Amino acid sequence: EGTRYAPPMLASGVFGGVHTQEWAYDRVDADGKRFG
């Protein structure tokens, strides 16, 4: 959904090589909490 952590389709994007895992882990929500 990407509603708490943008962008949407985040984990399938890492699986498909669109995003790096490190970049995905560093996404933060509105409260500053990291995805990882």
Full PDB file with SEQRES, HELIX, SHEET, SSBOND, CRYST1, ORIGX, SCALE, CONECT and MASTER records, all heavy atoms in Angstrom:
SEQRES   1 A   36  GLU GLY THR ARG TYR ALA PRO PRO MET LEU ALA SER GLY          
SEQRES   2 A   36  VAL PHE GLY GLY VAL HIS THR GLN GLU TRP ALA TYR ASP          
SEQRES   3 A   36  ARG VAL ASP ALA ASP GLY LYS ARG PHE GLY                      
HELIX    1 AA1 LEU A   10  PHE A   15  1                                   6    
HELIX    2 AA2 GLN A   21  TYR A   25  1                                   5    
CRYST1    1.000    1.000    1.000  90.00  90.00  90.00 P 1           1          
ORIGX1      1.000000  0.000000  0.000000        0.00000                         
ORIGX2      0.000000  1.000000  0.000000        0.00000                         
ORIGX3      0.000000  0.000000  1.000000        0.00000                         
SCALE1      1.000000  0.000000  0.000000        0.00000                         
SCALE2      0.000000  1.000000  0.000000        0.00000                         
SCALE3      0.000000  0.000000  1.000000        0.00000                         
ATOM      1  N   GLU A   1       0.805  -1.215   0.000  1.00  0.00           N  
ATOM      2  CA  GLU A   1       0.000   0.000   0.000  1.00  0.00           C  
ATOM      3  C   GLU A   1       0.845   1.276   0.000  1.00  0.00           C  
ATOM      4  O   GLU A   1       0.466   2.282  -0.609  1.00  0.00           O  
ATOM      5  CB  GLU A   1      -0.955   0.011   1.196  1.00  0.00           C  
ATOM      6  CG  GLU A   1      -2.062  -1.032   1.122  1.00  0.00           C  
ATOM      7  CD  GLU A   1      -3.069  -0.758   0.024  1.00  0.00           C  
ATOM      8  OE1 GLU A   1      -2.943   0.267  -0.675  1.00  0.00           O  
ATOM      9  OE2 GLU A   1      -3.981  -1.582  -0.158  1.00  0.00           O  
ATOM     10  N   GLY A   2       1.956   1.274   0.722  1.00  0.00           N  
ATOM     11  CA  GLY A   2       2.791   2.462   0.737  1.00  0.00           C  
ATOM     12  C   GLY A   2       2.226   3.611   1.548  1.00  0.00           C  
ATOM     13  O   GLY A   2       2.711   4.738   1.454  1.00  0.00           O  
ATOM     14  N   THR A   3       1.206   3.333   2.353  1.00  0.00           N  
ATOM     15  CA  THR A   3       0.580   4.421   3.104  1.00  0.00           C  
ATOM     16  C   THR A   3       1.392   4.816   4.337  1.00  0.00           C  
ATOM     17  O   THR A   3       1.492   5.985   4.675  1.00  0.00           O  
ATOM     18  CB  THR A   3      -0.858   4.039   3.509  1.00  0.00           C  
ATOM     19  OG1 THR A   3      -1.470   5.135   4.172  1.00  0.00           O  
ATOM     20  CG2 THR A   3      -0.884   2.833   4.439  1.00  0.00           C  
ATOM     21  N   ARG A   4       2.000   3.832   5.007  1.00  0.00           N  
ATOM     22  CA  ARG A   4       2.853   4.152   6.154  1.00  0.00           C  
ATOM     23  C   ARG A   4       4.285   4.427   5.697  1.00  0.00           C  
ATOM     24  O   ARG A   4       4.944   5.328   6.214  1.00  0.00           O  
ATOM     25  CB  ARG A   4       2.818   3.001   7.157  1.00  0.00           C  
ATOM     26  CG  ARG A   4       3.592   3.297   8.427  1.00  0.00           C  
ATOM     27  CD  ARG A   4       3.564   2.162   9.435  1.00  0.00           C  
ATOM     28  NE  ARG A   4       4.383   2.499  10.593  1.00  0.00           N  
ATOM     29  CZ  ARG A   4       4.831   1.624  11.483  1.00  0.00           C  
ATOM     30  NH1 ARG A   4       4.519   0.339  11.365  1.00  0.00           N  
ATOM     31  NH2 ARG A   4       5.574   2.022  12.493  1.00  0.00           N  
ATOM     32  N   TYR A   5       4.760   3.621   4.757  1.00  0.00           N  
ATOM     33  CA  TYR A   5       6.112   3.795   4.211  1.00  0.00           C  
ATOM     34  C   TYR A   5       6.023   3.930   2.702  1.00  0.00           C  
ATOM     35  O   TYR A   5       5.619   2.995   2.008  1.00  0.00           O  
ATOM     36  CB  TYR A   5       6.997   2.596   4.573  1.00  0.00           C  
ATOM     37  CG  TYR A   5       7.303   2.477   6.042  1.00  0.00           C  
ATOM     38  CD1 TYR A   5       6.619   1.565   6.841  1.00  0.00           C  
ATOM     39  CD2 TYR A   5       8.263   3.286   6.642  1.00  0.00           C  
ATOM     40  CE1 TYR A   5       6.889   1.454   8.190  1.00  0.00           C  
ATOM     41  CE2 TYR A   5       8.540   3.182   7.994  1.00  0.00           C  
ATOM     42  CZ  TYR A   5       7.850   2.271   8.766  1.00  0.00           C  
ATOM     43  OH  TYR A   5       8.110   2.171  10.107  1.00  0.00           O  
ATOM     44  N   ALA A   6       6.361   5.103   2.195  1.00  0.00           N  
ATOM     45  CA  ALA A   6       6.400   5.309   0.750  1.00  0.00           C  
ATOM     46  C   ALA A   6       7.738   4.804   0.208  1.00  0.00           C  
ATOM     47  O   ALA A   6       8.755   4.880   0.894  1.00  0.00           O  
ATOM     48  CB  ALA A   6       6.218   6.787   0.428  1.00  0.00           C  
ATOM     49  N   PRO A   7       7.769   4.281  -1.017  1.00  0.00           N  
ATOM     50  CA  PRO A   7       6.673   4.189  -1.968  1.00  0.00           C  
ATOM     51  C   PRO A   7       5.879   2.891  -1.811  1.00  0.00           C  
ATOM     52  O   PRO A   7       6.295   1.998  -1.063  1.00  0.00           O  
ATOM     53  CB  PRO A   7       7.417   4.183  -3.309  1.00  0.00           C  
ATOM     54  CG  PRO A   7       8.685   3.437  -3.005  1.00  0.00           C  
ATOM     55  CD  PRO A   7       9.050   3.859  -1.613  1.00  0.00           C  
ATOM     56  N   PRO A   8       4.745   2.789  -2.526  1.00  0.00           N  
ATOM     57  CA  PRO A   8       4.016   1.518  -2.530  1.00  0.00           C  
ATOM     58  C   PRO A   8       4.804   0.428  -3.244  1.00  0.00           C  
ATOM     59  O   PRO A   8       5.804   0.702  -3.912  1.00  0.00           O  
ATOM     60  CB  PRO A   8       2.725   1.854  -3.285  1.00  0.00           C  
ATOM     61  CG  PRO A   8       3.060   3.053  -4.102  1.00  0.00           C  
ATOM     62  CD  PRO A   8       4.102   3.818  -3.334  1.00  0.00           C  
ATOM     63  N   MET A   9       4.333  -0.812  -3.075  1.00  0.00           N  
ATOM     64  CA  MET A   9       4.991  -2.002  -3.653  1.00  0.00           C  
ATOM     65  C   MET A   9       6.474  -2.039  -3.290  1.00  0.00           C  
ATOM     66  O   MET A   9       7.321  -2.365  -4.104  1.00  0.00           O  
ATOM     67  CB  MET A   9       4.816  -2.033  -5.174  1.00  0.00           C  
ATOM     68  CG  MET A   9       3.381  -2.051  -5.642  1.00  0.00           C  
ATOM     69  SD  MET A   9       2.930  -0.547  -6.492  1.00  0.00           S  
ATOM     70  CE  MET A   9       3.855  -0.714  -7.991  1.00  0.00           C  
ATOM     71  N   LEU A  10       6.758  -1.710  -2.039  1.00  0.00           N  
ATOM     72  CA  LEU A  10       8.156  -1.535  -1.622  1.00  0.00           C  
ATOM     73  C   LEU A  10       8.927  -2.848  -1.638  1.00  0.00           C  
ATOM     74  O   LEU A  10      10.020  -2.937  -2.212  1.00  0.00           O  
ATOM     75  CB  LEU A  10       8.203  -0.909  -0.228  1.00  0.00           C  
ATOM     76  CG  LEU A  10       9.602  -0.609   0.323  1.00  0.00           C  
ATOM     77  CD1 LEU A  10      10.295   0.448  -0.527  1.00  0.00           C  
ATOM     78  CD2 LEU A  10       9.518  -0.141   1.780  1.00  0.00           C  
ATOM     79  N   ALA A  11       8.383  -3.882  -0.991  1.00  0.00           N  
ATOM     80  CA  ALA A  11       9.138  -5.131  -0.860  1.00  0.00           C  
ATOM     81  C   ALA A  11       9.206  -5.898  -2.175  1.00  0.00           C  
ATOM     82  O   ALA A  11      10.240  -6.497  -2.491  1.00  0.00           O  
ATOM     83  CB  ALA A  11       8.526  -6.004   0.233  1.00  0.00           C  
ATOM     84  N   SER A  12       8.129  -5.886  -2.954  1.00  0.00           N  
ATOM     85  CA  SER A  12       8.209  -6.520  -4.271  1.00  0.00           C  
ATOM     86  C   SER A  12       9.168  -5.755  -5.171  1.00  0.00           C  
ATOM     87  O   SER A  12       9.805  -6.329  -6.054  1.00  0.00           O  
ATOM     88  CB  SER A  12       6.822  -6.628  -4.915  1.00  0.00           C  
ATOM     89  OG  SER A  12       6.227  -5.353  -5.074  1.00  0.00           O  
ATOM     90  N   GLY A  13       9.289  -4.426  -4.930  1.00  0.00           N  
ATOM     91  CA  GLY A  13      10.263  -3.635  -5.683  1.00  0.00           C  
ATOM     92  C   GLY A  13      11.691  -4.023  -5.359  1.00  0.00           C  
ATOM     93  O   GLY A  13      12.550  -4.054  -6.246  1.00  0.00           O  
ATOM     94  N   VAL A  14      11.968  -4.330  -4.088  1.00  0.00           N  
ATOM     95  CA  VAL A  14      13.298  -4.826  -3.722  1.00  0.00           C  
ATOM     96  C   VAL A  14      13.526  -6.190  -4.349  1.00  0.00           C  
ATOM     97  O   VAL A  14      14.598  -6.471  -4.910  1.00  0.00           O  
ATOM     98  CB  VAL A  14      13.459  -4.885  -2.186  1.00  0.00           C  
ATOM     99  CG1 VAL A  14      14.799  -5.520  -1.818  1.00  0.00           C  
ATOM    100  CG2 VAL A  14      13.363  -3.485  -1.584  1.00  0.00           C  
ATOM    101  N   PHE A  15      12.517  -7.063  -4.280  1.00  0.00           N  
ATOM    102  CA  PHE A  15      12.622  -8.397  -4.877  1.00  0.00           C  
ATOM    103  C   PHE A  15      12.915  -8.293  -6.379  1.00  0.00           C  
ATOM    104  O   PHE A  15      13.733  -9.051  -6.920  1.00  0.00           O  
ATOM    105  CB  PHE A  15      11.321  -9.177  -4.647  1.00  0.00           C  
ATOM    106  CG  PHE A  15      11.388 -10.626  -5.025  1.00  0.00           C  
ATOM    107  CD1 PHE A  15      11.596 -11.599  -4.054  1.00  0.00           C  
ATOM    108  CD2 PHE A  15      11.234 -11.045  -6.342  1.00  0.00           C  
ATOM    109  CE1 PHE A  15      11.658 -12.943  -4.388  1.00  0.00           C  
ATOM    110  CE2 PHE A  15      11.298 -12.385  -6.688  1.00  0.00           C  
ATOM    111  CZ  PHE A  15      11.510 -13.333  -5.706  1.00  0.00           C  
ATOM    112  N   GLY A  16      12.264  -7.340  -7.044  1.00  0.00           N  
ATOM    113  CA  GLY A  16      12.424  -7.185  -8.484  1.00  0.00           C  
ATOM    114  C   GLY A  16      13.619  -6.351  -8.896  1.00  0.00           C  
ATOM    115  O   GLY A  16      13.813  -6.102 -10.089  1.00  0.00           O  
ATOM    116  N   GLY A  17      14.421  -5.898  -7.914  1.00  0.00           N  
ATOM    117  CA  GLY A  17      15.621  -5.139  -8.236  1.00  0.00           C  
ATOM    118  C   GLY A  17      15.388  -3.672  -8.533  1.00  0.00           C  
ATOM    119  O   GLY A  17      16.295  -2.974  -9.005  1.00  0.00           O  
ATOM    120  N   VAL A  18      14.190  -3.177  -8.235  1.00  0.00           N  
ATOM    121  CA  VAL A  18      13.875  -1.769  -8.483  1.00  0.00           C  
ATOM    122  C   VAL A  18      14.465  -0.884  -7.394  1.00  0.00           C  
ATOM    123  O   VAL A  18      14.918   0.234  -7.659  1.00  0.00           O  
ATOM    124  CB  VAL A  18      12.347  -1.578  -8.560  1.00  0.00           C  
ATOM    125  CG1 VAL A  18      11.996  -0.116  -8.814  1.00  0.00           C  
ATOM    126  CG2 VAL A  18      11.748  -2.469  -9.646  1.00  0.00           C  
ATOM    127  N   HIS A  19      14.438  -1.362  -6.138  1.00  0.00           N  
ATOM    128  CA  HIS A  19      14.992  -0.638  -4.997  1.00  0.00           C  
ATOM    129  C   HIS A  19      16.058  -1.499  -4.331  1.00  0.00           C  
ATOM    130  O   HIS A  19      16.018  -2.731  -4.426  1.00  0.00           O  
ATOM    131  CB  HIS A  19      13.918  -0.328  -3.950  1.00  0.00           C  
ATOM    132  CG  HIS A  19      12.645   0.234  -4.495  1.00  0.00           C  
ATOM    133  ND1 HIS A  19      12.601   1.393  -5.234  1.00  0.00           N  
ATOM    134  CD2 HIS A  19      11.349  -0.204  -4.402  1.00  0.00           C  
ATOM    135  CE1 HIS A  19      11.350   1.647  -5.568  1.00  0.00           C  
ATOM    136  NE2 HIS A  19      10.582   0.696  -5.088  1.00  0.00           N  
ATOM    137  N   THR A  20      16.964  -0.846  -3.615  1.00  0.00           N  
ATOM    138  CA  THR A  20      17.905  -1.609  -2.801  1.00  0.00           C  
ATOM    139  C   THR A  20      17.290  -1.867  -1.427  1.00  0.00           C  
ATOM    140  O   THR A  20      16.445  -1.097  -0.944  1.00  0.00           O  
ATOM    141  CB  THR A  20      19.236  -0.862  -2.605  1.00  0.00           C  
ATOM    142  OG1 THR A  20      19.013   0.311  -1.815  1.00  0.00           O  
ATOM    143  CG2 THR A  20      19.836  -0.475  -3.954  1.00  0.00           C  
ATOM    144  N   GLN A  21      17.719  -2.936  -0.802  1.00  0.00           N  
ATOM    145  CA  GLN A  21      17.201  -3.268   0.523  1.00  0.00           C  
ATOM    146  C   GLN A  21      17.586  -2.201   1.541  1.00  0.00           C  
ATOM    147  O   GLN A  21      16.785  -1.840   2.417  1.00  0.00           O  
ATOM    148  CB  GLN A  21      17.732  -4.636   0.956  1.00  0.00           C  
ATOM    149  CG  GLN A  21      17.184  -5.120   2.291  1.00  0.00           C  
ATOM    150  CD  GLN A  21      17.578  -6.559   2.561  1.00  0.00           C  
ATOM    151  OE1 GLN A  21      17.407  -7.432   1.717  1.00  0.00           O  
ATOM    152  NE2 GLN A  21      18.110  -6.809   3.743  1.00  0.00           N  
ATOM    153  N   GLU A  22      18.799  -1.684   1.437  1.00  0.00           N  
ATOM    154  CA  GLU A  22      19.256  -0.669   2.383  1.00  0.00           C  
ATOM    155  C   GLU A  22      18.391   0.580   2.281  1.00  0.00           C  
ATOM    156  O   GLU A  22      18.015   1.186   3.303  1.00  0.00           O  
ATOM    157  CB  GLU A  22      20.719  -0.316   2.119  1.00  0.00           C  
ATOM    158  CG  GLU A  22      21.706  -1.438   2.403  1.00  0.00           C  
ATOM    159  CD  GLU A  22      21.674  -2.556   1.352  1.00  0.00           C  
ATOM    160  OE1 GLU A  22      21.142  -2.300   0.226  1.00  0.00           O  
ATOM    161  OE2 GLU A  22      22.156  -3.656   1.641  1.00  0.00           O  
ATOM    162  N   TRP A  23      18.086   0.991   1.069  1.00  0.00           N  
ATOM    163  CA  TRP A  23      17.223   2.164   0.866  1.00  0.00           C  
ATOM    164  C   TRP A  23      15.839   1.915   1.452  1.00  0.00           C  
ATOM    165  O   TRP A  23      15.260   2.794   2.116  1.00  0.00           O  
ATOM    166  CB  TRP A  23      17.132   2.467  -0.627  1.00  0.00           C  
ATOM    167  CG  TRP A  23      16.306   3.680  -0.965  1.00  0.00           C  
ATOM    168  CD1 TRP A  23      16.719   4.976  -0.971  1.00  0.00           C  
ATOM    169  CD2 TRP A  23      14.928   3.686  -1.361  1.00  0.00           C  
ATOM    170  NE1 TRP A  23      15.676   5.805  -1.346  1.00  0.00           N  
ATOM    171  CE2 TRP A  23      14.572   5.042  -1.593  1.00  0.00           C  
ATOM    172  CE3 TRP A  23      13.963   2.687  -1.556  1.00  0.00           C  
ATOM    173  CZ2 TRP A  23      13.290   5.413  -1.999  1.00  0.00           C  
ATOM    174  CZ3 TRP A  23      12.684   3.060  -1.947  1.00  0.00           C  
ATOM    175  CH2 TRP A  23      12.354   4.410  -2.167  1.00  0.00           C  
ATOM    176  N   ALA A  24      15.300   0.713   1.217  1.00  0.00           N  
ATOM    177  CA  ALA A  24      13.977   0.379   1.744  1.00  0.00           C  
ATOM    178  C   ALA A  24      13.975   0.409   3.267  1.00  0.00           C  
ATOM    179  O   ALA A  24      13.042   0.933   3.892  1.00  0.00           O  
ATOM    180  CB  ALA A  24      13.545  -0.991   1.236  1.00  0.00           C  
ATOM    181  N   TYR A  25      15.010  -0.150   3.878  1.00  0.00           N  
ATOM    182  CA  TYR A  25      15.100  -0.173   5.340  1.00  0.00           C  
ATOM    183  C   TYR A  25      15.116   1.236   5.934  1.00  0.00           C  
ATOM    184  O   TYR A  25      14.668   1.450   7.063  1.00  0.00           O  
ATOM    185  CB  TYR A  25      16.363  -0.910   5.781  1.00  0.00           C  
ATOM    186  CG  TYR A  25      16.233  -2.411   5.888  1.00  0.00           C  
ATOM    187  CD1 TYR A  25      15.123  -3.094   5.402  1.00  0.00           C  
ATOM    188  CD2 TYR A  25      17.241  -3.165   6.489  1.00  0.00           C  
ATOM    189  CE1 TYR A  25      15.009  -4.466   5.507  1.00  0.00           C  
ATOM    190  CE2 TYR A  25      17.145  -4.542   6.606  1.00  0.00           C  
ATOM    191  CZ  TYR A  25      16.031  -5.194   6.110  1.00  0.00           C  
ATOM    192  OH  TYR A  25      15.927  -6.554   6.227  1.00  0.00           O  
ATOM    193  N   ASP A  26      15.640   2.195   5.191  1.00  0.00           N  
ATOM    194  CA  ASP A  26      15.777   3.560   5.703  1.00  0.00           C  
ATOM    195  C   ASP A  26      14.533   4.418   5.502  1.00  0.00           C  
ATOM    196  O   ASP A  26      14.522   5.587   5.900  1.00  0.00           O  
ATOM    197  CB  ASP A  26      16.977   4.255   5.042  1.00  0.00           C  
ATOM    198  CG  ASP A  26      18.302   3.794   5.619  1.00  0.00           C  
ATOM    199  OD1 ASP A  26      18.309   3.291   6.757  1.00  0.00           O  
ATOM    200  OD2 ASP A  26      19.331   3.927   4.919  1.00  0.00           O  
ATOM    201  N   ARG A  27      13.470   3.859   4.891  1.00  0.00           N  
ATOM    202  CA  ARG A  27      12.230   4.629   4.783  1.00  0.00           C  
ATOM    203  C   ARG A  27      11.677   4.866   6.191  1.00  0.00           C  
ATOM    204  O   ARG A  27      11.758   3.984   7.056  1.00  0.00           O  
ATOM    205  CB  ARG A  27      11.173   3.887   3.965  1.00  0.00           C  
ATOM    206  CG  ARG A  27      11.513   3.543   2.507  1.00  0.00           C  
ATOM    207  CD  ARG A  27      11.934   4.737   1.697  1.00  0.00           C  
ATOM    208  NE  ARG A  27      13.401   4.897   1.756  1.00  0.00           N  
ATOM    209  CZ  ARG A  27      14.043   6.025   1.532  1.00  0.00           C  
ATOM    210  NH1 ARG A  27      13.369   7.125   1.272  1.00  0.00           N  
ATOM    211  NH2 ARG A  27      15.353   6.088   1.603  1.00  0.00           N  
ATOM    212  N   VAL A  28      11.125   6.051   6.417  1.00  0.00           N  
ATOM    213  CA  VAL A  28      10.588   6.376   7.739  1.00  0.00           C  
ATOM    214  C   VAL A  28       9.111   6.745   7.622  1.00  0.00           C  
ATOM    215  O   VAL A  28       8.659   7.254   6.581  1.00  0.00           O  
ATOM    216  CB  VAL A  28      11.363   7.525   8.418  1.00  0.00           C  
ATOM    217  CG1 VAL A  28      12.789   7.109   8.712  1.00  0.00           C  
ATOM    218  CG2 VAL A  28      11.330   8.788   7.560  1.00  0.00           C  
ATOM    219  N   ASP A  29       8.361   6.454   8.709  1.00  0.00           N  
ATOM    220  CA  ASP A  29       6.950   6.817   8.720  1.00  0.00           C  
ATOM    221  C   ASP A  29       6.774   8.208   9.321  1.00  0.00           C  
ATOM    222  O   ASP A  29       7.759   8.914   9.602  1.00  0.00           O  
ATOM    223  CB  ASP A  29       6.124   5.764   9.459  1.00  0.00           C  
ATOM    224  CG  ASP A  29       6.425   5.689  10.949  1.00  0.00           C  
ATOM    225  OD1 ASP A  29       7.190   6.529  11.464  1.00  0.00           O  
ATOM    226  OD2 ASP A  29       5.883   4.776  11.610  1.00  0.00           O  
ATOM    227  N   ALA A  30       5.540   8.623   9.528  1.00  0.00           N  
ATOM    228  CA  ALA A  30       5.261   9.974  10.016  1.00  0.00           C  
ATOM    229  C   ALA A  30       5.816  10.209  11.415  1.00  0.00           C  
ATOM    230  O   ALA A  30       6.037  11.351  11.814  1.00  0.00           O  
ATOM    231  CB  ALA A  30       3.752  10.222  10.006  1.00  0.00           C  
ATOM    232  N   ASP A  31       6.056   9.125  12.147  1.00  0.00           N  
ATOM    233  CA  ASP A  31       6.618   9.240  13.497  1.00  0.00           C  
ATOM    234  C   ASP A  31       8.126   9.065  13.520  1.00  0.00           C  
ATOM    235  O   ASP A  31       8.737   8.992  14.597  1.00  0.00           O  
ATOM    236  CB  ASP A  31       5.975   8.201  14.426  1.00  0.00           C  
ATOM    237  CG  ASP A  31       4.491   8.442  14.615  1.00  0.00           C  
ATOM    238  OD1 ASP A  31       4.087   9.617  14.683  1.00  0.00           O  
ATOM    239  OD2 ASP A  31       3.726   7.452  14.674  1.00  0.00           O  
ATOM    240  N   GLY A  32       8.741   8.972  12.346  1.00  0.00           N  
ATOM    241  CA  GLY A  32      10.187   8.840  12.269  1.00  0.00           C  
ATOM    242  C   GLY A  32      10.706   7.428  12.484  1.00  0.00           C  
ATOM    243  O   GLY A  32      11.919   7.231  12.629  1.00  0.00           O  
ATOM    244  N   LYS A  33       9.819   6.429  12.472  1.00  0.00           N  
ATOM    245  CA  LYS A  33      10.249   5.044  12.699  1.00  0.00           C  
ATOM    246  C   LYS A  33      10.691   4.406  11.386  1.00  0.00           C  
ATOM    247  O   LYS A  33       9.971   4.459  10.388  1.00  0.00           O  
ATOM    248  CB  LYS A  33       9.100   4.240  13.314  1.00  0.00           C  
ATOM    249  CG  LYS A  33       8.695   4.735  14.691  1.00  0.00           C  
ATOM    250  CD  LYS A  33       7.507   3.952  15.243  1.00  0.00           C  
ATOM    251  CE  LYS A  33       7.115   4.452  16.626  1.00  0.00           C  
ATOM    252  NZ  LYS A  33       5.923   3.748  17.159  1.00  0.00           N  
ATOM    253  N   ARG A  34      11.887   3.806  11.409  1.00  0.00           N  
ATOM    254  CA  ARG A  34      12.454   3.187  10.206  1.00  0.00           C  
ATOM    255  C   ARG A  34      11.741   1.888   9.854  1.00  0.00           C  
ATOM    256  O   ARG A  34      11.358   1.102  10.732  1.00  0.00           O  
ATOM    257  CB  ARG A  34      13.944   2.888  10.384  1.00  0.00           C  
ATOM    258  CG  ARG A  34      14.851   4.088  10.447  1.00  0.00           C  
ATOM    259  CD  ARG A  34      16.298   3.655  10.685  1.00  0.00           C  
ATOM    260  NE  ARG A  34      16.864   2.932   9.551  1.00  0.00           N  
ATOM    261  CZ  ARG A  34      17.126   1.619   9.553  1.00  0.00           C  
ATOM    262  NH1 ARG A  34      16.846   0.863  10.607  1.00  0.00           N  
ATOM    263  NH2 ARG A  34      17.677   1.059   8.490  1.00  0.00           N  
ATOM    264  N   PHE A  35      11.598   1.655   8.560  1.00  0.00           N  
ATOM    265  CA  PHE A  35      11.017   0.411   8.076  1.00  0.00           C  
ATOM    266  C   PHE A  35      11.781  -0.793   8.619  1.00  0.00           C  
ATOM    267  O   PHE A  35      11.186  -1.743   9.138  1.00  0.00           O  
ATOM    268  CB  PHE A  35      11.037   0.407   6.543  1.00  0.00           C  
ATOM    269  CG  PHE A  35      10.497  -0.847   5.919  1.00  0.00           C  
ATOM    270  CD1 PHE A  35       9.180  -0.909   5.484  1.00  0.00           C  
ATOM    271  CD2 PHE A  35      11.292  -1.979   5.749  1.00  0.00           C  
ATOM    272  CE1 PHE A  35       8.674  -2.068   4.905  1.00  0.00           C  
ATOM    273  CE2 PHE A  35      10.795  -3.133   5.182  1.00  0.00           C  
ATOM    274  CZ  PHE A  35       9.484  -3.176   4.761  1.00  0.00           C  
ATOM    275  N   GLY A  36      13.120  -0.760   8.498  1.00  0.00           N  
ATOM    276  CA  GLY A  36      13.930  -1.893   8.941  1.00  0.00           C  
ATOM    277  C   GLY A  36      13.762  -2.189  10.417  1.00  0.00           C  
ATOM    278  O   GLY A  36      13.702  -3.356  10.833  1.00  0.00           O  
TER     279      GLY A  36                                                      
MASTER        0    0    0    2    0    0    0    6  278    1    0    3          
END                                                                             
